[in-house]
Protein backbone atom coordinates (compact mmCIF):
# COMPACT_ATOMS: atom_id res chain seq x y z
CA MET A 1 -80.07 50.32 -62.85
CA VAL A 2 -82.43 53.28 -63.21
CA VAL A 3 -83.58 55.14 -66.27
CA LEU A 4 -85.25 58.40 -66.01
CA GLY A 5 -87.69 58.97 -68.63
CA ALA A 6 -89.86 56.74 -71.02
CA GLY A 7 -89.64 58.79 -74.15
CA TYR A 8 -87.76 57.71 -77.32
CA ALA A 9 -84.31 57.79 -75.55
CA GLY A 10 -85.40 56.00 -72.33
CA VAL A 11 -87.40 53.20 -73.82
CA THR A 12 -84.52 52.44 -76.50
CA VAL A 13 -81.93 52.50 -73.80
CA THR A 14 -83.99 50.16 -71.66
CA HIS A 15 -84.27 47.80 -74.76
CA ALA A 16 -80.54 47.97 -75.29
CA ILE A 17 -79.79 47.27 -71.54
CA ARG A 18 -81.99 44.17 -71.68
CA ARG A 19 -80.23 43.13 -74.83
CA SER A 20 -76.71 43.61 -73.89
CA GLY A 21 -77.19 42.36 -70.34
CA ARG A 22 -78.96 39.53 -71.77
CA GLY A 23 -81.93 40.13 -69.44
CA THR A 24 -79.95 39.66 -66.10
CA ILE A 25 -79.65 43.36 -65.08
CA PRO A 26 -82.60 44.78 -63.13
CA ILE A 27 -83.93 47.98 -64.65
CA THR A 28 -86.37 50.59 -63.03
CA VAL A 29 -87.77 52.92 -65.42
CA VAL A 30 -89.23 56.34 -64.18
CA ASP A 31 -91.67 58.60 -66.08
CA ARG A 32 -94.43 60.94 -65.06
CA HIS A 33 -97.01 59.20 -67.66
CA ALA A 34 -97.84 55.51 -67.78
CA SER A 35 -97.77 55.80 -71.53
CA HIS A 36 -94.79 56.09 -74.10
CA ILE A 37 -95.41 59.23 -76.14
CA LEU A 38 -94.76 59.22 -79.75
CA ARG A 39 -93.39 63.05 -79.62
CA THR A 40 -92.75 63.20 -83.33
CA ARG A 41 -96.60 63.22 -83.99
CA LEU A 42 -97.40 65.99 -81.46
CA TYR A 43 -97.69 68.74 -84.14
CA GLU A 44 -100.72 66.89 -85.69
CA VAL A 45 -103.14 69.08 -83.59
CA GLY A 46 -105.77 69.00 -86.29
CA ARG A 47 -105.92 65.22 -86.24
CA LEU A 48 -105.74 65.19 -82.57
CA ALA A 49 -108.82 67.42 -82.44
CA ALA A 50 -110.54 65.26 -84.65
CA ALA A 51 -109.67 62.16 -82.68
CA ASP A 52 -111.90 63.72 -79.66
CA GLY A 53 -109.90 62.15 -76.86
CA ARG A 54 -108.72 58.80 -78.65
CA ASP A 55 -105.02 59.13 -78.30
CA ALA A 56 -103.79 55.54 -79.49
CA ARG A 57 -102.04 57.40 -82.55
CA TRP A 58 -100.02 59.46 -79.98
CA SER A 59 -99.09 56.92 -77.13
CA VAL A 60 -98.30 53.38 -76.28
CA PRO A 61 -99.21 51.93 -72.81
CA ILE A 62 -95.86 51.58 -70.99
CA ASP A 63 -96.50 48.01 -69.85
CA GLN A 64 -96.83 46.90 -73.42
CA VAL A 65 -93.59 48.90 -74.52
CA LEU A 66 -91.54 47.23 -71.60
CA ALA A 67 -93.23 43.87 -71.64
CA HIS A 68 -90.02 42.25 -72.87
CA ASP A 69 -87.70 44.08 -70.79
CA ARG A 70 -88.46 42.62 -67.29
CA ALA A 71 -88.29 46.42 -66.15
CA THR A 72 -90.03 47.79 -63.28
CA PHE A 73 -92.08 51.06 -64.15
CA VAL A 74 -92.46 53.77 -61.50
CA ALA A 75 -94.91 56.48 -62.40
CA GLY A 76 -94.16 60.03 -60.79
CA GLU A 77 -92.04 63.17 -60.97
CA VAL A 78 -88.30 62.94 -60.33
CA THR A 79 -88.01 65.47 -57.59
CA SER A 80 -84.24 65.01 -56.69
CA VAL A 81 -81.19 63.10 -58.01
CA ASP A 82 -78.24 62.75 -55.10
CA LEU A 83 -75.19 61.61 -57.17
CA ASN A 84 -73.15 61.15 -53.92
CA THR A 85 -75.55 58.62 -52.24
CA ARG A 86 -76.69 57.44 -55.87
CA GLU A 87 -80.43 57.89 -55.02
CA VAL A 88 -83.35 59.17 -57.07
CA SER A 89 -86.37 60.49 -55.14
CA VAL A 90 -89.70 60.13 -56.97
CA GLY A 91 -92.22 61.83 -54.90
CA ASP A 92 -91.97 59.91 -51.48
CA ARG A 93 -90.19 57.05 -52.99
CA VAL A 94 -86.37 56.86 -52.95
CA LEU A 95 -84.67 54.58 -55.73
CA PRO A 96 -80.99 53.68 -55.11
CA TYR A 97 -78.94 52.86 -58.22
CA ARG A 98 -75.75 51.53 -59.47
CA SER A 99 -75.89 53.15 -62.81
CA LEU A 100 -78.35 55.94 -64.00
CA VAL A 101 -79.32 57.17 -67.25
CA VAL A 102 -80.85 60.46 -67.81
CA CYS A 103 -83.52 60.61 -70.57
CA LEU A 104 -85.78 63.47 -69.31
CA GLY A 105 -85.88 65.25 -72.75
CA SER A 106 -86.46 69.12 -72.80
CA VAL A 107 -88.87 71.68 -72.22
CA ALA A 108 -89.73 74.93 -73.69
CA ALA A 109 -87.14 77.70 -73.47
CA TYR A 110 -88.79 81.24 -73.16
CA TYR A 111 -85.47 83.34 -72.99
CA GLY A 112 -87.09 85.56 -70.40
CA ILE A 113 -89.68 87.19 -72.93
CA PRO A 114 -92.39 88.88 -71.03
CA GLY A 115 -95.61 87.06 -71.31
CA ALA A 116 -94.25 83.94 -73.34
CA ALA A 117 -94.79 81.29 -70.69
CA GLU A 118 -97.96 82.70 -69.53
CA TYR A 119 -99.80 83.48 -72.79
CA THR A 120 -98.66 80.64 -75.41
CA GLU A 121 -99.35 77.12 -76.00
CA GLN A 122 -96.74 74.43 -76.59
CA VAL A 123 -96.57 70.97 -78.32
CA TYR A 124 -93.46 69.48 -76.69
CA ARG A 125 -95.49 67.43 -74.41
CA PHE A 126 -98.77 65.55 -75.14
CA SER A 127 -100.60 67.48 -72.32
CA GLY A 128 -99.75 70.56 -74.14
CA ALA A 129 -100.67 69.24 -77.59
CA LEU A 130 -103.93 68.02 -76.27
CA ARG A 131 -104.76 71.42 -74.74
CA LEU A 132 -103.94 73.26 -77.90
CA SER A 133 -106.11 70.98 -80.04
CA GLN A 134 -109.03 71.43 -77.77
CA ARG A 135 -108.50 75.25 -77.96
CA LEU A 136 -108.38 75.26 -81.65
CA ARG A 137 -111.31 73.24 -81.92
CA GLU A 138 -113.32 75.52 -79.82
CA LEU A 139 -112.09 78.52 -81.98
CA ALA A 140 -113.01 76.75 -85.08
CA ARG A 141 -116.51 76.21 -83.77
CA ALA A 142 -116.68 79.81 -82.81
CA SER A 143 -115.54 81.10 -86.26
CA ALA A 144 -118.44 78.78 -87.84
CA ALA A 145 -120.98 80.63 -85.88
CA PRO A 146 -123.05 83.47 -87.46
CA GLY A 147 -120.85 86.69 -87.44
CA GLY A 148 -117.75 84.59 -86.85
CA ARG A 149 -114.30 85.49 -88.21
CA PRO A 150 -111.41 83.40 -89.31
CA VAL A 151 -109.21 82.26 -86.59
CA ARG A 152 -105.88 84.09 -86.24
CA ILE A 153 -102.83 81.88 -85.08
CA VAL A 154 -99.30 82.89 -84.60
CA VAL A 155 -96.56 80.23 -84.46
CA VAL A 156 -93.39 81.49 -82.91
CA GLY A 157 -90.25 79.58 -84.14
CA GLY A 158 -88.88 78.67 -87.72
CA GLY A 159 -87.56 75.20 -86.87
CA SER A 160 -89.10 71.78 -87.82
CA THR A 161 -91.59 71.99 -84.99
CA GLY A 162 -92.81 75.53 -85.74
CA THR A 163 -92.95 74.62 -89.61
CA GLU A 164 -94.68 71.34 -89.17
CA LEU A 165 -97.25 72.99 -86.66
CA ALA A 166 -97.93 76.00 -88.75
CA ALA A 167 -98.79 73.75 -91.87
CA GLU A 168 -100.83 71.35 -89.96
CA ILE A 169 -103.07 74.12 -88.57
CA ALA A 170 -103.41 75.94 -91.94
CA THR A 171 -104.14 72.63 -93.62
CA ALA A 172 -106.46 71.02 -91.32
CA ARG A 173 -109.98 70.82 -92.48
CA TRP A 174 -111.38 72.36 -89.33
CA ASP A 175 -114.89 72.64 -91.07
CA ARG A 176 -115.14 68.66 -91.08
CA ILE A 177 -113.50 68.60 -87.52
CA VAL A 178 -116.26 70.78 -86.06
CA GLY A 179 -119.05 69.62 -88.34
CA ALA A 180 -119.81 73.36 -89.31
CA PRO A 181 -118.62 75.61 -92.21
CA ALA A 182 -115.55 77.02 -90.39
CA PRO A 183 -113.27 79.17 -92.57
CA PRO A 184 -109.68 78.23 -92.98
CA PHE A 185 -107.37 79.45 -90.14
CA GLU A 186 -105.01 82.50 -90.61
CA VAL A 187 -101.66 81.36 -89.65
CA THR A 188 -98.57 83.48 -89.19
CA GLN A 189 -95.06 81.79 -88.46
CA VAL A 190 -92.47 84.19 -86.81
CA VAL A 191 -89.35 82.72 -87.92
CA GLY A 192 -87.15 84.94 -85.85
CA SER A 193 -83.39 85.90 -86.26
CA VAL A 194 -82.42 82.37 -86.75
CA PRO A 195 -82.76 81.41 -90.39
CA PHE A 196 -85.73 79.17 -91.42
CA LEU A 197 -85.04 75.51 -90.97
CA PHE A 198 -81.53 76.48 -90.07
CA GLY A 199 -78.94 73.75 -90.54
CA MET A 200 -80.91 71.58 -92.96
CA ALA A 201 -80.18 71.10 -96.48
CA PRO A 202 -80.89 74.11 -98.92
CA GLY A 203 -83.13 71.89 -101.27
CA LEU A 204 -85.18 70.78 -98.44
CA ILE A 205 -85.57 74.56 -97.12
CA GLU A 206 -86.64 75.53 -100.46
CA HIS A 207 -89.17 73.18 -101.07
CA ALA A 208 -90.60 73.48 -97.58
CA ARG A 209 -90.72 77.26 -98.02
CA ARG A 210 -92.89 76.73 -101.12
CA LEU A 211 -95.13 74.14 -99.64
CA LEU A 212 -95.58 76.55 -96.44
CA ALA A 213 -96.59 79.46 -98.96
CA GLN A 214 -99.16 76.93 -100.78
CA ALA A 215 -100.69 76.02 -97.40
CA GLY A 216 -101.37 79.67 -96.87
CA VAL A 217 -98.92 80.40 -94.14
CA ARG A 218 -97.62 83.88 -93.73
CA SER A 219 -94.03 84.07 -93.01
CA ILE A 220 -92.11 86.72 -90.78
CA PRO A 221 -88.45 86.31 -91.09
CA GLU A 222 -85.46 88.07 -89.32
CA VAL A 223 -87.24 89.47 -86.36
CA ASN A 224 -87.89 88.25 -82.75
CA VAL A 225 -90.65 88.39 -80.46
CA ALA A 226 -90.56 91.23 -77.82
CA ARG A 227 -93.25 90.17 -75.54
CA VAL A 228 -96.68 88.18 -75.49
CA GLY A 229 -99.81 89.34 -74.15
CA PRO A 230 -103.58 88.34 -74.20
CA GLY A 231 -104.62 88.17 -77.78
CA GLU A 232 -101.44 89.52 -79.35
CA VAL A 233 -97.79 89.06 -79.99
CA THR A 234 -95.55 92.06 -80.28
CA LEU A 235 -92.27 91.81 -82.33
CA LYS A 236 -88.98 93.79 -81.68
CA ASP A 237 -89.75 95.88 -84.84
CA GLY A 238 -93.09 97.03 -83.32
CA GLN A 239 -95.41 94.79 -85.27
CA VAL A 240 -98.33 93.78 -83.21
CA LEU A 241 -99.87 90.59 -84.27
CA PRO A 242 -103.55 89.65 -83.40
CA ALA A 243 -103.52 86.09 -82.00
CA ASP A 244 -106.53 84.03 -80.96
CA ALA A 245 -103.84 81.68 -79.95
CA ALA A 246 -99.99 81.82 -79.89
CA VAL A 247 -97.87 78.74 -80.10
CA TRP A 248 -94.44 78.73 -78.83
CA CYS A 249 -91.81 76.58 -80.82
CA ALA A 250 -88.83 78.90 -80.39
CA GLY A 251 -86.34 76.68 -78.58
CA LEU A 252 -85.86 74.03 -75.71
CA GLU A 253 -83.91 73.59 -72.76
CA ALA A 254 -83.03 70.93 -70.26
CA PRO A 255 -85.60 70.48 -67.43
CA THR A 256 -85.06 72.06 -64.04
CA ILE A 257 -83.99 68.75 -62.50
CA VAL A 258 -81.15 68.08 -65.15
CA ARG A 259 -80.13 71.79 -64.86
CA SER A 260 -79.69 71.39 -61.19
CA LEU A 261 -77.34 68.40 -61.26
CA PRO A 262 -73.92 69.49 -60.02
CA VAL A 263 -72.04 68.35 -63.17
CA GLY A 264 -70.80 70.10 -66.49
CA HIS A 265 -73.68 71.83 -68.50
CA GLY A 266 -73.79 73.11 -72.17
CA LYS A 267 -76.27 75.57 -73.76
CA GLY A 268 -79.93 75.31 -72.22
CA GLY A 269 -78.72 73.56 -69.24
CA ARG A 270 -77.92 70.24 -71.27
CA LEU A 271 -75.63 67.86 -69.58
CA LEU A 272 -72.27 67.53 -71.16
CA VAL A 273 -71.29 63.84 -71.99
CA ASP A 274 -68.12 62.42 -73.51
CA ASP A 275 -68.37 60.01 -76.64
CA HIS A 276 -69.22 57.27 -74.48
CA LEU A 277 -72.47 59.10 -73.49
CA GLU A 278 -71.24 59.34 -69.87
CA VAL A 279 -71.16 62.32 -67.80
CA PRO A 280 -67.35 63.13 -67.17
CA GLY A 281 -66.13 62.68 -63.55
CA GLN A 282 -69.35 60.59 -62.94
CA PRO A 283 -68.68 56.87 -63.55
CA GLY A 284 -72.09 55.25 -64.15
CA LEU A 285 -74.04 58.36 -64.88
CA PHE A 286 -75.21 58.25 -68.56
CA ALA A 287 -77.42 60.68 -70.41
CA VAL A 288 -79.25 60.49 -73.90
CA GLY A 289 -81.25 62.51 -76.19
CA ASP A 290 -82.43 66.05 -75.79
CA ALA A 291 -80.97 66.35 -72.40
CA ILE A 292 -77.42 66.23 -73.38
CA GLU A 293 -74.79 68.30 -75.27
CA LEU A 294 -72.32 66.30 -77.29
CA LYS A 295 -69.82 67.29 -79.89
CA ASP A 296 -69.02 64.40 -82.45
CA SER A 297 -65.36 63.44 -82.16
CA GLU A 298 -64.91 62.76 -85.86
CA THR A 299 -66.77 66.05 -87.27
CA GLY A 300 -66.33 68.17 -84.40
CA LEU A 301 -70.16 69.19 -84.80
CA LEU A 302 -72.94 69.07 -81.95
CA VAL A 303 -75.07 66.23 -82.35
CA PRO A 304 -78.48 67.49 -83.06
CA ALA A 305 -81.24 67.34 -80.23
CA THR A 306 -83.46 65.21 -82.55
CA ALA A 307 -85.34 61.76 -82.29
CA GLN A 308 -83.18 60.29 -84.72
CA ALA A 309 -79.99 61.06 -82.81
CA ALA A 310 -81.50 59.88 -79.58
CA LEU A 311 -82.49 56.63 -81.27
CA ALA A 312 -78.91 56.35 -82.47
CA GLU A 313 -77.30 57.13 -79.00
CA ALA A 314 -79.50 54.85 -77.02
CA PRO A 315 -78.16 51.53 -78.26
CA VAL A 316 -74.55 52.88 -77.50
CA ALA A 317 -75.43 54.11 -74.12
CA GLY A 318 -77.26 50.93 -73.06
CA ALA A 319 -74.18 48.66 -74.11
CA ASN A 320 -71.90 51.08 -72.17
CA VAL A 321 -73.94 50.83 -69.05
CA VAL A 322 -73.59 47.12 -68.96
CA ALA A 323 -69.69 47.43 -69.82
CA ARG A 324 -69.56 50.06 -66.75
CA LEU A 325 -71.23 47.62 -64.51
CA ARG A 326 -69.11 44.59 -65.79
CA GLY A 327 -65.78 46.39 -66.22
CA GLY A 328 -65.88 45.81 -69.89
CA PRO A 329 -64.66 48.00 -72.74
CA MET A 330 -67.10 50.76 -73.80
CA ARG A 331 -68.16 51.89 -77.26
CA ARG A 332 -67.74 55.35 -78.68
CA PHE A 333 -70.74 57.14 -80.33
CA THR A 334 -70.32 58.48 -83.76
CA TYR A 335 -73.51 60.33 -85.33
CA ARG A 336 -74.52 59.42 -88.83
CA GLU A 337 -77.69 61.16 -90.09
CA LYS A 338 -79.94 58.99 -92.16
CA GLY A 339 -81.88 61.70 -93.55
CA VAL A 340 -84.58 64.51 -92.42
CA VAL A 341 -88.11 64.88 -93.37
CA VAL A 342 -90.33 67.71 -92.32
CA SER A 343 -94.09 67.60 -92.77
CA VAL A 344 -95.34 70.57 -94.45
CA GLY A 345 -99.22 70.11 -94.25
CA ARG A 346 -101.59 67.28 -94.63
CA GLY A 347 -100.11 64.82 -97.19
CA ARG A 348 -97.02 67.01 -98.02
CA GLY A 349 -93.41 67.06 -96.87
CA SER A 350 -89.80 67.98 -97.64
CA GLY A 351 -86.77 65.85 -96.98
CA THR A 352 -83.31 64.85 -97.74
CA PHE A 353 -81.73 61.38 -98.02
CA GLY A 354 -78.28 60.55 -99.00
CA GLY A 355 -77.92 63.93 -100.59
CA ILE A 356 -81.15 63.58 -102.50
CA THR A 357 -84.07 65.85 -101.85
CA VAL A 358 -87.68 64.44 -101.84
CA TRP A 359 -90.57 66.51 -101.41
CA GLY A 360 -94.54 66.69 -101.69
CA ARG A 361 -96.46 63.57 -101.25
CA PRO A 362 -93.48 61.00 -101.58
CA ALA A 363 -91.75 62.86 -98.43
CA ALA A 364 -95.00 62.74 -96.41
CA LEU A 365 -95.49 59.07 -97.13
CA LEU A 366 -92.03 58.27 -96.06
CA LYS A 367 -92.21 60.22 -92.97
CA ALA A 368 -95.58 58.38 -92.07
CA ALA A 369 -93.91 54.79 -92.93
CA VAL A 370 -91.01 55.51 -90.55
CA ASP A 371 -93.42 56.68 -87.87
CA GLU A 372 -95.49 53.69 -88.12
CA GLU A 373 -92.38 51.39 -88.12
CA TYR A 374 -91.12 53.18 -84.78
CA ALA A 375 -94.53 52.49 -83.10
CA GLU A 376 -94.87 49.10 -84.14
CA ALA A 377 -91.26 48.24 -83.16
CA THR A 378 -91.35 49.84 -79.89
CA SER A 379 -94.60 48.32 -78.86
CA ARG A 380 -93.07 44.89 -79.51
CA GLY A 381 -89.81 45.89 -77.66
CA ARG A 382 -87.71 45.61 -80.64
CA ARG A 383 -84.96 48.07 -81.89
CA ALA A 384 -86.72 50.88 -83.42
CA PRO A 385 -85.64 52.72 -86.66
CA GLY A 386 -84.64 56.51 -86.63
CA VAL A 387 -87.32 58.87 -86.98
């Protein structure tokens, strides 16, 4: 039994296989990093800059996370998956499997826009968030020097990641972080042609928009990026935005290794799975999280590529892995969203729960509490709440 990826989906699947199999199924977990990254916190680049290399808030050692699962951890990059021989290659090592769960997440999608990959930062991985935080710290220090000017940041993308990041950068106390009188950053969010926070409840969107404005974030809706160059972002309407740093939060796609699998794929190369979270025509091949495209059989809607959805899918996938191995009945997955919270600046947020909109400090406290509960549960090998 091999699980590819040790993010939210992979770790929770591993816990679920251990519970459903009563600890009798050998599990190998593969990931490029020896830590479990708390990805829903990666927008916190101001706090990351202030941490100066201390990463405990954003990661948990993988041996601690998997301590109760009796799982073997293999660190490395997955270089190939052979569905015929049922083997996974990790560098020079070959791992045979009876069942495989793909939980490799997603990567930034640049849509062929010139310069986007070369001249923008991203926070979809910890390495990217750390690199951005270090760069912002350097820019803040330079702006605090005699003759310095406010730092200009362009965030591309109007979804939750772009919104949380734009607000974080705008409200971070860069003067305290660098210990010098750095002025507040000038942050512009290019929302694009897709509506701001598309798919979320109207009340949440309204409050998030208001909080962003209060944070000083300038919003440019209904226009996409044409190209990105050193120090500037050019929009399709001809506007040229000066940028000391540009951050790409405009969309995700499946990693190359996932897109290369000879099975059915959906938008962005995501794996098509059935409502057992199994790839059609490939018994024993399951996938969970950002790497999949799944239409809920009850609602007919696509299940969102969120951490909350991944945490809901993982226990079902884990139980079905065991059922497939032992010839038992498999469970169907149906998604029920518990609620959504978007952080909009330090100590502020906007969210919906059971049709009720919460915003401001209560929403931020709720998001922080759920994040902390997840980190605590995961580090102890318990079933984690949705985040």
